[in-house]
Protein backbone atom coordinates (compact mmCIF):
# COMPACT_ATOMS: atom_id res chain seq x y z
CA MET A 1 -43.09 -134.76 51.04
CA LYS A 2 -44.28 -136.99 53.90
CA LYS A 3 -42.42 -134.86 56.44
CA ALA A 4 -44.01 -131.71 55.09
CA CYS A 5 -47.44 -133.31 55.22
CA LEU A 6 -46.83 -134.32 58.80
CA ILE A 7 -46.52 -130.72 59.95
CA LEU A 8 -48.99 -129.09 57.59
CA LEU A 9 -51.72 -131.59 58.33
CA ALA A 10 -50.97 -131.42 62.03
CA LEU A 11 -51.60 -127.68 61.83
CA THR A 12 -54.83 -128.16 59.90
CA PHE A 13 -56.32 -131.04 61.86
CA ALA A 14 -59.83 -130.88 63.33
CA SER A 15 -59.98 -130.45 67.07
CA SER A 16 -61.37 -133.97 67.60
CA LEU A 17 -58.34 -136.23 67.62
CA GLY A 18 -57.75 -139.91 68.20
CA CYS A 19 -54.60 -141.91 67.43
CA GLN A 20 -51.33 -142.85 69.12
CA GLN A 21 -47.96 -141.14 69.14
CA GLU A 22 -45.03 -140.62 71.47
CA THR A 23 -45.53 -138.26 74.37
CA GLY A 24 -42.83 -137.23 76.80
CA PRO A 25 -40.30 -139.91 77.62
CA ASP A 26 -42.70 -142.85 77.13
CA LYS A 27 -44.87 -144.06 74.28
CA THR A 28 -48.46 -143.61 75.38
CA SER A 29 -51.82 -143.23 73.74
CA ASN A 30 -52.07 -139.64 72.64
CA PRO A 31 -54.44 -137.97 70.13
CA THR A 32 -53.03 -136.44 66.95
CA SER A 33 -54.31 -135.76 63.46
CA PRO A 34 -56.13 -138.67 61.78
CA ASN A 35 -54.77 -137.38 58.45
CA LEU A 36 -51.06 -137.96 59.10
CA PRO A 37 -49.11 -140.16 56.67
CA ARG A 38 -49.29 -143.89 57.46
CA ALA A 39 -45.63 -143.97 58.52
CA ALA A 40 -46.31 -141.34 61.18
CA GLN A 41 -49.38 -142.79 62.87
CA VAL A 42 -51.16 -145.86 64.10
CA GLN A 43 -54.70 -146.09 62.78
CA THR A 44 -57.23 -146.70 65.57
CA PRO A 45 -60.98 -146.22 65.71
CA ALA A 46 -61.83 -142.81 67.15
CA PRO A 47 -63.92 -143.20 70.31
CA ALA A 48 -66.82 -140.86 70.98
CA ALA A 49 -64.93 -139.29 73.91
CA PRO A 50 -61.24 -140.21 73.51
CA ALA A 51 -59.25 -140.72 76.68
CA VAL A 52 -56.09 -138.62 76.68
CA ALA A 53 -52.88 -139.89 78.23
CA VAL A 54 -51.18 -137.21 80.30
CA ASP A 55 -47.51 -136.44 79.65
CA ARG A 56 -46.84 -136.70 83.38
CA LEU A 57 -43.16 -135.74 83.33
CA HIS A 58 -43.64 -132.46 81.48
CA ASP A 59 -46.98 -131.70 83.13
CA GLU A 60 -45.33 -132.06 86.57
CA GLU A 61 -42.39 -129.85 85.54
CA ALA A 62 -44.78 -127.22 84.21
CA THR A 63 -46.82 -127.35 87.41
CA THR A 64 -43.79 -126.79 89.64
CA MET A 65 -42.40 -123.91 87.60
CA SER A 66 -45.86 -122.28 87.60
CA GLY A 67 -45.84 -121.89 91.36
CA LEU A 68 -48.50 -124.58 91.75
CA ALA A 69 -48.21 -127.65 93.96
CA ALA A 70 -47.36 -130.82 92.03
CA ALA A 71 -48.15 -134.39 93.10
CA SER A 72 -44.88 -136.33 93.05
CA ASP A 73 -42.49 -136.72 95.97
CA GLU A 74 -39.62 -135.32 93.86
CA SER A 75 -41.64 -132.18 93.06
CA ARG A 76 -42.55 -131.73 96.72
CA LYS A 77 -38.86 -131.71 97.64
CA ILE A 78 -38.21 -128.89 95.18
CA GLU A 79 -41.27 -127.00 96.33
CA ALA A 80 -40.12 -127.20 99.95
CA ALA A 81 -37.20 -124.88 99.18
CA ALA A 82 -37.43 -121.28 100.34
CA SER A 83 -36.78 -119.99 96.80
CA TRP A 84 -39.78 -121.88 95.38
CA GLN A 85 -41.98 -120.82 98.29
CA ALA A 86 -41.05 -117.17 97.74
CA PHE A 87 -41.59 -117.50 93.99
CA ALA A 88 -44.99 -119.16 94.44
CA LYS A 89 -46.15 -116.51 96.91
CA SER A 90 -45.02 -113.64 94.70
CA ILE A 91 -46.29 -115.04 91.43
CA ASN A 92 -49.64 -115.94 93.01
CA GLY A 93 -50.01 -112.29 93.99
CA HIS A 94 -49.09 -111.06 90.52
CA TRP A 95 -51.43 -113.59 88.93
CA SER A 96 -54.35 -112.69 91.19
CA ALA A 97 -54.00 -108.99 90.33
CA PHE A 98 -53.67 -109.78 86.61
CA ASP A 99 -56.66 -112.11 86.69
CA THR A 100 -58.88 -109.56 88.43
CA ALA A 101 -57.86 -106.44 86.50
CA ILE A 102 -57.29 -107.87 83.01
CA LEU A 103 -58.02 -111.54 82.47
CA GLU A 104 -61.58 -111.81 83.77
CA PRO A 105 -62.77 -108.58 82.06
CA MET A 106 -61.03 -109.77 78.90
CA LYS A 107 -62.81 -113.14 78.99
CA LYS A 108 -66.19 -111.53 79.59
CA TRP A 109 -65.67 -109.04 76.76
CA ALA A 110 -64.50 -111.74 74.37
CA GLY A 111 -67.47 -113.95 75.19
CA GLU A 112 -69.77 -111.21 73.94
CA ASP A 113 -67.89 -109.23 71.29
CA LEU A 114 -65.95 -112.13 69.72
CA ARG A 115 -68.88 -114.55 69.75
CA GLU A 116 -69.41 -114.48 65.98
CA SER A 117 -65.73 -114.85 65.10
CA ARG A 118 -65.32 -117.69 67.59
CA LEU A 119 -67.91 -119.75 65.71
CA VAL A 120 -65.81 -119.89 62.52
CA THR A 121 -62.26 -119.69 63.88
CA LYS A 122 -60.31 -122.95 63.70
CA THR A 123 -56.84 -121.43 64.02
CA LEU A 124 -55.71 -118.38 65.97
CA PHE A 125 -52.64 -116.90 64.28
CA TYR A 126 -50.71 -114.64 66.68
CA PRO A 127 -47.52 -113.17 65.16
CA PHE A 128 -45.13 -111.15 67.36
CA GLY A 129 -46.82 -112.45 70.51
CA GLY A 130 -43.91 -114.56 71.69
CA PRO A 131 -45.06 -117.16 74.24
CA ASP A 132 -48.20 -115.18 75.19
CA PHE A 133 -50.60 -118.11 75.24
CA ILE A 134 -52.76 -116.64 77.99
CA THR A 135 -54.14 -113.71 75.96
CA ALA A 136 -54.84 -116.00 73.02
CA PHE A 137 -56.60 -118.46 75.33
CA ALA A 138 -58.71 -115.72 76.93
CA PHE A 139 -59.94 -114.49 73.55
CA TYR A 140 -60.29 -117.82 71.68
CA PRO A 141 -60.36 -120.73 74.15
CA ASP A 142 -62.21 -123.09 71.80
CA VAL A 143 -59.80 -123.17 68.85
CA GLY A 144 -58.07 -126.42 67.98
CA LYS A 145 -54.83 -124.64 67.04
CA THR A 146 -53.09 -121.58 68.40
CA VAL A 147 -49.99 -120.47 66.48
CA LEU A 148 -47.58 -118.20 68.37
CA MET A 149 -44.29 -116.83 67.10
CA GLY A 150 -41.43 -114.56 68.08
CA LEU A 151 -37.69 -114.03 67.81
CA GLU A 152 -37.04 -115.73 71.15
CA PRO A 153 -35.63 -119.28 70.91
CA VAL A 154 -37.88 -122.23 71.71
CA GLY A 155 -35.42 -123.37 74.37
CA ASN A 156 -35.78 -126.18 76.88
CA LEU A 157 -37.71 -127.00 80.01
CA PRO A 158 -35.74 -127.02 83.27
CA ASP A 159 -34.79 -130.39 84.73
CA PHE A 160 -35.11 -129.43 88.37
CA GLY A 161 -34.09 -132.84 89.66
CA GLN A 162 -30.71 -132.67 87.92
CA GLU A 163 -29.82 -129.13 89.03
CA THR A 164 -28.32 -127.79 92.25
CA PRO A 165 -30.39 -125.89 94.84
CA GLU A 166 -28.44 -122.75 93.91
CA TRP A 167 -29.35 -123.17 90.24
CA ARG A 168 -33.01 -123.60 91.10
CA ASP A 169 -32.90 -120.49 93.28
CA GLY A 170 -31.58 -118.50 90.31
CA PHE A 171 -34.14 -120.00 87.95
CA PHE A 172 -37.10 -118.91 90.05
CA GLN A 173 -35.68 -115.40 90.45
CA ASP A 174 -35.14 -115.01 86.69
CA PHE A 175 -38.49 -116.57 85.84
CA GLU A 176 -40.30 -114.18 88.15
CA THR A 177 -38.64 -111.21 86.43
CA ILE A 178 -39.98 -112.28 83.03
CA LEU A 179 -43.45 -113.14 84.27
CA SER A 180 -43.98 -110.15 86.55
CA ASP A 181 -43.24 -107.81 83.62
CA PHE A 182 -46.00 -109.42 81.59
CA LEU A 183 -48.50 -109.69 84.43
CA LYS A 184 -48.05 -106.00 85.21
CA ARG A 185 -47.99 -104.62 81.66
CA GLY A 186 -49.73 -107.20 79.50
CA TYR A 187 -46.67 -107.65 77.27
CA PHE A 188 -43.08 -108.89 77.58
CA VAL A 189 -40.21 -106.45 78.04
CA THR A 190 -37.76 -107.79 75.47
CA GLU A 191 -34.70 -106.34 77.18
CA HIS A 192 -35.56 -107.93 80.51
CA MET A 193 -36.43 -111.24 78.87
CA ASN A 194 -33.16 -111.39 76.95
CA GLU A 195 -31.19 -110.53 80.09
CA ALA A 196 -32.87 -113.41 81.91
CA PHE A 197 -32.28 -115.79 78.99
CA ALA A 198 -28.59 -114.81 78.86
CA LYS A 199 -28.08 -116.18 82.37
CA GLY A 200 -28.86 -119.62 80.98
CA ARG A 201 -31.37 -120.82 83.55
CA VAL A 202 -34.68 -119.79 81.96
CA ASP A 203 -34.05 -121.24 78.52
CA GLY A 204 -36.27 -119.72 75.85
CA ALA A 205 -39.99 -119.30 75.28
CA LEU A 206 -41.11 -122.85 76.09
CA PRO A 207 -41.07 -122.51 79.92
CA VAL A 208 -43.06 -119.27 79.70
CA MET A 209 -45.65 -120.81 77.38
CA LEU A 210 -46.13 -123.80 79.68
CA PHE A 211 -46.51 -121.46 82.67
CA PHE A 212 -49.53 -119.89 80.95
CA LEU A 213 -50.91 -123.28 79.95
CA LYS A 214 -50.85 -124.51 83.54
CA ARG A 215 -52.07 -121.25 85.07
CA SER A 216 -55.12 -121.39 82.80
CA GLY A 217 -55.95 -124.85 84.16
CA ASN A 218 -54.78 -127.02 81.26
CA THR A 219 -53.02 -130.39 81.34
CA ILE A 220 -50.03 -131.21 79.11
CA VAL A 221 -50.51 -134.37 77.04
CA GLY A 222 -47.80 -134.06 74.37
CA LEU A 223 -44.65 -132.16 73.44
CA ARG A 224 -42.94 -132.25 70.01
CA ARG A 225 -40.10 -130.43 68.23
CA LEU A 226 -40.60 -128.91 64.76
CA THR A 227 -37.64 -128.40 62.43
CA VAL A 228 -36.88 -127.90 58.74
CA ASP A 229 -34.89 -130.73 57.20
CA GLY A 230 -32.19 -130.56 54.51
CA LYS A 231 -34.81 -130.59 51.75
CA GLY A 232 -36.66 -127.59 53.13
CA GLU A 233 -39.55 -129.66 54.46
CA TRP A 234 -40.97 -129.64 57.99
CA ALA A 235 -40.39 -132.59 60.29
CA GLU A 236 -41.80 -133.34 63.73
CA SER A 237 -39.94 -135.33 66.40
CA PRO A 238 -40.26 -136.16 70.12
CA TYR A 239 -39.14 -133.44 72.51
CA THR A 240 -35.51 -133.72 73.59
CA VAL A 241 -33.22 -131.23 75.32
CA GLN A 242 -31.26 -129.13 72.80
CA LYS A 243 -27.90 -127.91 74.08
CA ARG A 244 -27.35 -125.74 71.01
CA LEU A 245 -29.76 -123.31 69.43
CA GLY A 246 -31.19 -124.71 66.22
CA ARG A 247 -31.22 -122.67 63.06
CA ARG A 248 -34.39 -120.60 62.71
CA PRO A 249 -37.14 -121.15 61.85
CA ASN A 250 -37.92 -123.96 64.26
CA GLY A 251 -40.74 -124.63 66.64
CA VAL A 252 -42.53 -126.73 69.19
CA ARG A 253 -46.03 -128.15 69.46
CA VAL A 254 -47.65 -128.61 72.86
CA GLU A 255 -50.81 -130.68 73.08
CA TYR A 256 -53.08 -129.95 76.02
CA VAL A 257 -56.56 -130.66 77.32
CA ARG A 258 -58.82 -128.12 78.95
CA PRO A 259 -60.39 -128.76 82.36
CA GLY A 260 -63.22 -131.28 82.13
CA GLU A 261 -62.48 -132.22 78.51
CA ALA A 262 -61.00 -135.28 76.84
CA VAL A 263 -60.14 -133.73 73.47
CA ALA A 264 -56.61 -132.46 72.84
CA ARG A 265 -55.86 -129.06 71.37
CA SER A 266 -52.49 -127.75 70.16
CA VAL A 267 -50.48 -124.60 70.69
CA TYR A 268 -47.47 -124.02 68.45
CA TYR A 269 -44.57 -121.67 69.02
CA PHE A 270 -42.19 -120.80 66.17
CA SER A 271 -38.88 -119.04 66.68
CA CYS A 272 -38.61 -117.09 63.46
CA ASP A 273 -37.94 -113.83 61.64
CA LEU A 274 -41.00 -112.63 59.71
CA ALA A 275 -39.37 -109.76 57.76
CA ASP A 276 -39.55 -110.16 53.97
CA PRO A 277 -35.92 -111.31 53.43
CA ALA A 278 -36.40 -114.20 55.89
CA PHE A 279 -40.05 -114.83 54.99
CA PRO A 280 -40.30 -115.06 51.18
CA LYS A 281 -43.35 -116.75 49.69
CA ALA A 282 -41.33 -119.83 48.75
CA SER A 283 -39.95 -120.37 52.25
CA PRO A 284 -40.99 -123.41 54.36
CA LEU A 285 -42.47 -121.16 57.05
CA TYR A 286 -44.57 -119.11 54.62
CA ARG A 287 -45.89 -122.25 52.95
CA LEU A 288 -46.72 -123.72 56.34
CA PHE A 289 -48.66 -120.68 57.52
CA ASP A 290 -50.33 -120.29 54.12
CA GLY A 291 -51.83 -123.78 54.59
CA LEU A 292 -53.74 -122.86 57.74
CA GLU A 293 -57.55 -122.98 57.67
CA GLY A 294 -60.27 -120.99 59.40
CA VAL A 295 -57.83 -118.29 60.48
CA THR A 296 -58.38 -115.36 62.81
CA THR A 297 -55.26 -113.23 63.21
CA PHE A 298 -54.53 -111.45 66.49
CA ILE A 299 -51.85 -108.76 66.91
CA LYS A 300 -50.97 -106.98 70.14
CA SER A 301 -47.87 -104.99 71.11
CA GLY A 302 -46.39 -105.88 67.73
CA SER A 303 -43.70 -103.15 67.64
CA TYR A 304 -45.59 -101.57 64.69
CA LEU A 305 -43.66 -103.95 62.42
CA LEU A 306 -46.55 -104.38 60.01
CA HIS A 307 -46.39 -100.63 59.32
CA TYR A 308 -43.05 -101.11 57.55
CA ALA A 309 -42.47 -102.00 53.91
CA ASP A 310 -40.22 -104.97 54.70
CA PHE A 311 -43.08 -106.86 56.35
CA SER A 312 -45.22 -106.77 53.22
CA ASN A 313 -45.30 -110.55 52.74
CA LEU A 314 -46.72 -111.21 56.17
CA ARG A 315 -49.16 -108.31 55.88
CA ALA A 316 -50.47 -109.56 52.54
CA MET A 317 -50.78 -113.15 53.77
CA ILE A 318 -52.75 -112.07 56.85
CA MET A 319 -55.19 -110.08 54.75
CA ALA A 320 -55.55 -112.87 52.20
CA LYS A 321 -56.02 -115.70 54.74
CA SER A 322 -57.86 -114.21 57.70
CA LEU A 323 -61.60 -114.37 58.22
CA TYR A 324 -61.15 -111.85 61.04
CA VAL A 325 -58.29 -109.67 62.25
CA LEU A 326 -58.26 -108.53 65.87
CA GLU A 327 -55.49 -106.03 66.56
CA ASP A 328 -54.36 -102.93 68.37
CA ASP A 329 -52.83 -100.03 66.46
CA THR A 330 -49.42 -101.77 66.36
CA GLY A 331 -50.82 -104.20 63.77
CA ILE A 332 -51.75 -103.66 60.12
CA PRO A 333 -52.42 -99.96 59.46
CA TYR A 334 -56.08 -98.97 59.28
CA ARG A 335 -55.85 -97.79 55.69
CA TYR A 336 -55.26 -101.31 54.32
CA PHE A 337 -58.62 -102.50 55.66
CA LYS A 338 -60.43 -99.34 54.64
CA ARG A 339 -59.36 -99.68 51.02
CA GLN A 340 -60.83 -103.17 50.75
CA ASP A 341 -64.09 -102.45 52.59
CA TRP A 342 -63.59 -104.76 55.54
CA GLU A 343 -66.30 -104.51 58.19
CA MET A 344 -64.77 -102.76 61.20
CA GLN A 345 -65.57 -102.27 64.84
CA LEU A 346 -63.44 -99.95 66.98
CA TYR A 347 -62.92 -100.33 70.73
CA GLY A 348 -61.30 -98.10 73.32
CA ALA A 349 -59.43 -94.94 72.39
CA TYR A 350 -56.66 -94.07 69.96
CA ALA A 351 -53.40 -92.24 70.67
CA LYS A 352 -50.28 -91.74 68.58
CA PRO A 353 -47.51 -94.37 68.76
CA VAL A 354 -45.63 -94.51 72.04
CA GLU A 355 -42.29 -92.70 72.41
CA ASP A 356 -40.30 -95.94 72.17
CA PHE A 357 -41.05 -95.88 68.42
CA PRO A 358 -40.14 -92.32 67.33
CA ALA A 359 -40.07 -93.17 63.61
CA LEU A 360 -43.80 -93.93 63.62
CA VAL A 361 -46.39 -91.23 63.00
CA GLU A 362 -50.01 -90.94 64.00
CA GLN A 363 -52.53 -92.75 61.80
CA LYS A 364 -54.68 -89.77 60.89
CA ASP A 365 -57.41 -91.85 59.28
CA LEU A 366 -57.68 -94.08 62.34
CA LYS A 367 -57.76 -91.07 64.65
CA ALA A 368 -60.51 -89.53 62.53
CA ALA A 369 -62.52 -92.75 62.79
CA TYR A 370 -62.21 -92.69 66.58
CA ASP A 371 -63.08 -88.97 66.75
CA ASP A 372 -66.08 -89.22 64.42
CA PRO A 373 -69.20 -88.42 66.53
CA ALA A 374 -71.24 -90.64 64.22
CA GLY A 375 -68.75 -93.49 64.55
CA ASN A 376 -69.58 -96.65 66.44
CA VAL A 377 -66.73 -96.82 68.96
CA LYS A 378 -67.36 -99.21 71.84
CA PRO A 379 -65.61 -99.18 75.23
CA LEU A 380 -62.78 -101.58 76.03
CA PRO A 381 -63.22 -102.82 79.60
CA PHE A 382 -59.59 -103.85 80.21
CA HIS A 383 -56.08 -102.48 79.72
CA PHE A 384 -53.05 -104.11 78.14
CA GLY A 385 -50.18 -103.30 75.84
CA TYR A 386 -47.73 -100.45 75.46
CA ARG A 387 -49.92 -97.81 77.11
CA TRP A 388 -50.25 -99.69 80.40
CA VAL A 389 -49.43 -96.50 82.32
CA SER A 390 -51.73 -94.05 80.49
CA LYS A 391 -54.34 -96.79 79.93
CA VAL A 392 -55.27 -95.45 76.51
CA ASP A 393 -55.91 -98.77 74.82
CA ASN A 394 -57.52 -99.73 71.55
CA LEU A 395 -58.60 -102.77 69.59
CA LEU A 396 -59.90 -103.04 66.03
CA LEU A 397 -61.99 -106.05 65.02
CA THR A 398 -62.21 -106.44 61.27
CA LYS A 399 -64.27 -108.94 59.28
CA ARG A 400 -63.24 -109.70 55.74
CA PRO A 401 -65.60 -108.49 52.99
CA ALA A 402 -68.57 -110.81 52.43
CA ALA A 403 -67.70 -111.15 48.74
CA LYS A 404 -64.34 -112.68 49.68
CA THR A 405 -65.58 -115.04 52.38
CA GLY A 406 -66.73 -117.79 50.04
CA ASN A 407 -68.52 -120.92 51.23
CA GLY A 408 -67.46 -122.09 54.64
CA GLY A 409 -64.43 -119.82 55.02
CA LEU A 410 -60.84 -120.60 54.07
């Protein structure tokens, strides 16, 4: 059970951290949960403002692949190549447009309309988001834990120094394809992402997640693998390159510090299938997620999966665990909240499901709520998601019924 405790307590730790563990290729002082089993930690007094040791190897790699100038001589050699220069110029343009049109309005809106939920949210739970750390960070930058998940493999970071110039040229071309899709639309195009992954240079979700971490100004201080052992318990280990895909579910934990801070926060990515057959209540992944505390769930561009009967376990867990649910219409259908008297605030405008999902029908009760002249529908000052062309976007912020909140939340 110690291995299971290691992961579960790591997910439920408070955001103030202060003990030592491995980070990157060297053993350095690095904050983790003070509640880990004795075998997994070194007990040290927690300073008032703990110094955080940077994982310099992985932070430098993430900087270079984000189109930002790194500090080391080896990184400068890579960044001198025409392919990196072209990538950096292009991705800087995409990022600038994304930041102006979406990210800054999103941050301003969240600072006002999510203020109350931010005060009680300890964990942001973001199913179906893949490696989309940047949207999570824009909405809930103060959480100690962000939990992302998707079908894409965790993968590996590129080792630029060990690869040929031709390989690096291909990497930056493939990476730009994945990123430019997201920065234009606000979601990943799965077909394009899988095509890029199949070429073998951009290897899984981890590089994309670290791109967003660096582009939002954060510093990498730790990187760990998460796997299920032979007894069905979770185990955490130092990051190493995996030449073969591990059996799902598996994950990764990235520790980072925000600009001007000395307290580490964690973002998790799990490669997993969340349909009922792969996500029964007795499964290691369900038990892990069920142990989270202070949860706000966020769903965007979720392929309407939570509308289907075979995602009932995840749907029920979200509604049982979440203090708040923030979602577009691809998340949990409106009727589930209405039946249980959740407090609801609508934003934007509603339209029927996009043509890519012909089996889905219009939510008539949600449309009626948006069309109600007496309804309290607020504007949404940014665009993202499946309707990036028509710009008919919506968000629903729900607060669980007061009678079910209890004392102090979950």
